[in-house]
Amino acid sequence: MSTYMQKNETVVRKWYVVDAADKPMGRTAVAVADLLRGKNDPTFTPHADCGNFVIVINAEKAVLTGRKMEQKYYYSHSGYIGGLKAVQAKTMMATKPERAMELAIKGMLPHNHLGRKAFTRLKVYAGAAHKHEAQKPETYEC
């Protein structure tokens, strides 16, 4: 019996909704990254893009454990001398909670073409409302 290898033409993508309220951000990000890659499907193929669409709601209610709100920083660099910018996690969660969740999920995806492609299927919303009801997403408990 040979190993089944899924092809891009045969991929059936599902839509999932993940509620991040009162859950640790890292654990939510792991579950979402697995859904984006398609690791929850029995037809998962590591070298093929066989992931699903994921909608994350209530990103502003995600929890950072320990003292991460004060000690964690998000860094970005403009490319110029002295262009390093640091934003504290407390500030990021107050102003752009969607971006904080996106960065957590992006870091758990592979850093190659497959990871960049999977990241385009992620939709993150700060509140409970989203605009993807037409796709009939399934609720996913993580």
Protein backbone atom coordinates (compact mmCIF):
# COMPACT_ATOMS: atom_id res chain seq x y z
CA MET A 1 0.00 0.00 0.00
CA SER A 2 1.44 3.36 -0.98
CA THR A 3 1.33 6.59 1.01
CA TYR A 4 -1.40 9.02 -0.05
CA MET A 5 -0.07 12.33 -1.35
CA GLN A 6 -2.63 15.08 -1.71
CA LYS A 7 -2.45 17.35 -4.75
CA ASN A 8 -3.35 21.04 -4.81
CA GLU A 9 -6.21 20.36 -7.22
CA THR A 10 -7.92 17.95 -4.80
CA VAL A 11 -7.78 20.17 -1.69
CA VAL A 12 -11.15 20.98 -0.11
CA ARG A 13 -10.73 23.96 2.21
CA LYS A 14 -13.04 24.38 5.19
CA TRP A 15 -13.72 27.51 7.21
CA TYR A 16 -13.26 27.46 10.99
CA VAL A 17 -14.02 30.03 13.70
CA VAL A 18 -11.75 30.06 16.75
CA ASP A 19 -12.78 32.07 19.81
CA ALA A 20 -9.70 33.43 21.61
CA ALA A 21 -11.57 34.89 24.60
CA ASP A 22 -10.03 34.00 27.98
CA LYS A 23 -7.53 31.57 26.42
CA PRO A 24 -3.74 31.89 26.39
CA MET A 25 -2.59 33.56 23.18
CA GLY A 26 0.17 31.02 22.52
CA ARG A 27 -2.06 27.97 22.85
CA THR A 28 -4.65 29.56 20.57
CA ALA A 29 -1.93 30.41 18.05
CA VAL A 30 -0.72 26.77 17.99
CA ALA A 31 -4.22 25.47 17.25
CA VAL A 32 -4.78 28.10 14.53
CA ALA A 33 -1.39 27.40 12.91
CA ASP A 34 -2.24 23.69 12.75
CA LEU A 35 -5.59 24.48 11.10
CA LEU A 36 -3.94 26.82 8.59
CA ARG A 37 -1.48 24.09 7.59
CA GLY A 38 -4.19 21.42 7.47
CA LYS A 39 -2.61 19.18 10.09
CA ASN A 40 -6.04 18.29 11.51
CA ASP A 41 -7.03 16.52 8.28
CA PRO A 42 -6.22 12.86 7.63
CA THR A 43 -5.06 13.82 4.13
CA PHE A 44 -2.31 16.17 5.40
CA THR A 45 0.71 16.26 3.13
CA PRO A 46 3.74 18.21 4.43
CA HIS A 47 4.91 19.51 1.06
CA ALA A 48 1.45 20.50 -0.27
CA ASP A 49 -0.69 23.52 0.54
CA CYS A 50 -3.68 21.69 2.04
CA GLY A 51 -4.71 24.07 4.83
CA ASN A 52 -8.01 25.65 5.81
CA PHE A 53 -9.36 29.15 6.32
CA VAL A 54 -9.43 30.31 9.95
CA ILE A 55 -11.32 33.22 11.52
CA VAL A 56 -10.09 34.27 14.97
CA ILE A 57 -12.57 36.33 16.99
CA ASN A 58 -12.20 38.11 20.34
CA ALA A 59 -8.46 38.68 19.88
CA GLU A 60 -8.63 41.56 22.37
CA LYS A 61 -9.75 39.14 25.11
CA ALA A 62 -6.82 36.75 24.63
CA VAL A 63 -4.70 36.28 27.75
CA LEU A 64 -0.95 36.66 28.09
CA THR A 65 0.22 34.55 31.04
CA GLY A 66 2.82 35.47 33.62
CA ARG A 67 4.35 38.93 33.37
CA LYS A 68 4.37 39.02 29.56
CA MET A 69 2.22 42.17 29.45
CA GLU A 70 5.09 44.13 31.01
CA GLN A 71 8.12 42.12 29.85
CA LYS A 72 7.29 41.16 26.24
CA TYR A 73 8.20 43.58 23.45
CA TYR A 74 7.41 43.53 19.72
CA TYR A 75 10.33 44.82 17.65
CA SER A 76 10.46 46.26 14.15
CA HIS A 77 13.27 47.92 12.24
CA SER A 78 12.96 50.49 9.46
CA GLY A 79 16.29 49.53 7.90
CA TYR A 80 17.89 52.85 8.77
CA ILE A 81 20.47 53.48 11.49
CA GLY A 82 18.67 53.90 14.81
CA GLY A 83 15.42 52.69 13.24
CA LEU A 84 14.59 50.05 15.86
CA LYS A 85 11.12 50.42 17.33
CA ALA A 86 9.91 48.50 20.36
CA VAL A 87 6.27 48.25 21.45
CA GLN A 88 5.34 46.75 24.79
CA ALA A 89 2.79 43.91 24.73
CA LYS A 90 0.46 45.90 26.99
CA THR A 91 0.38 48.73 24.44
CA MET A 92 -0.02 46.37 21.49
CA MET A 93 -2.97 44.56 23.12
CA ALA A 94 -4.62 47.89 23.89
CA THR A 95 -4.19 49.40 20.42
CA LYS A 96 -3.87 46.53 17.90
CA PRO A 97 -4.83 43.17 19.44
CA GLU A 98 -5.34 41.70 15.96
CA ARG A 99 -1.70 42.40 15.07
CA ALA A 100 -0.44 40.74 18.26
CA MET A 101 -2.43 37.58 17.48
CA GLU A 102 -1.27 37.61 13.85
CA LEU A 103 2.38 37.84 14.92
CA ALA A 104 1.96 34.94 17.35
CA ILE A 105 0.39 32.76 14.63
CA LYS A 106 2.86 33.83 11.92
CA GLY A 107 5.79 32.79 14.11
CA MET A 108 4.36 29.27 14.38
CA LEU A 109 3.96 28.76 10.64
CA PRO A 110 6.85 27.52 8.50
CA HIS A 111 9.10 30.32 7.27
CA ASN A 112 8.84 29.47 3.57
CA HIS A 113 6.41 29.70 0.66
CA LEU A 114 3.88 27.36 2.31
CA GLY A 115 3.80 29.45 5.49
CA ARG A 116 3.33 32.71 3.60
CA LYS A 117 0.51 31.16 1.56
CA ALA A 118 -1.18 29.76 4.69
CA PHE A 119 -0.98 33.15 6.44
CA THR A 120 -3.14 34.71 3.71
CA ARG A 121 -6.02 32.43 4.79
CA LEU A 122 -6.06 33.91 8.32
CA LYS A 123 -8.69 36.48 9.33
CA VAL A 124 -8.36 38.05 12.81
CA TYR A 125 -10.95 40.29 14.48
CA ALA A 126 -10.70 42.10 17.83
CA GLY A 127 -14.38 41.66 18.66
CA ALA A 128 -16.94 38.90 18.32
CA ALA A 129 -18.33 40.07 14.95
CA HIS A 130 -16.90 38.95 11.61
CA LYS A 131 -18.03 39.28 8.00
CA HIS A 132 -17.64 35.67 6.85
CA GLU A 133 -21.06 34.19 7.70
CA ALA A 134 -21.64 33.42 4.02
CA GLN A 135 -18.88 30.79 4.12
CA LYS A 136 -20.72 28.88 6.91
CA PRO A 137 -17.67 28.44 9.19
CA GLU A 138 -17.55 25.64 11.75
CA THR A 139 -16.72 26.41 15.38
CA TYR A 140 -13.39 24.93 16.47
CA GLU A 141 -12.62 24.43 20.17
CA CYS A 142 -8.96 24.60 21.09
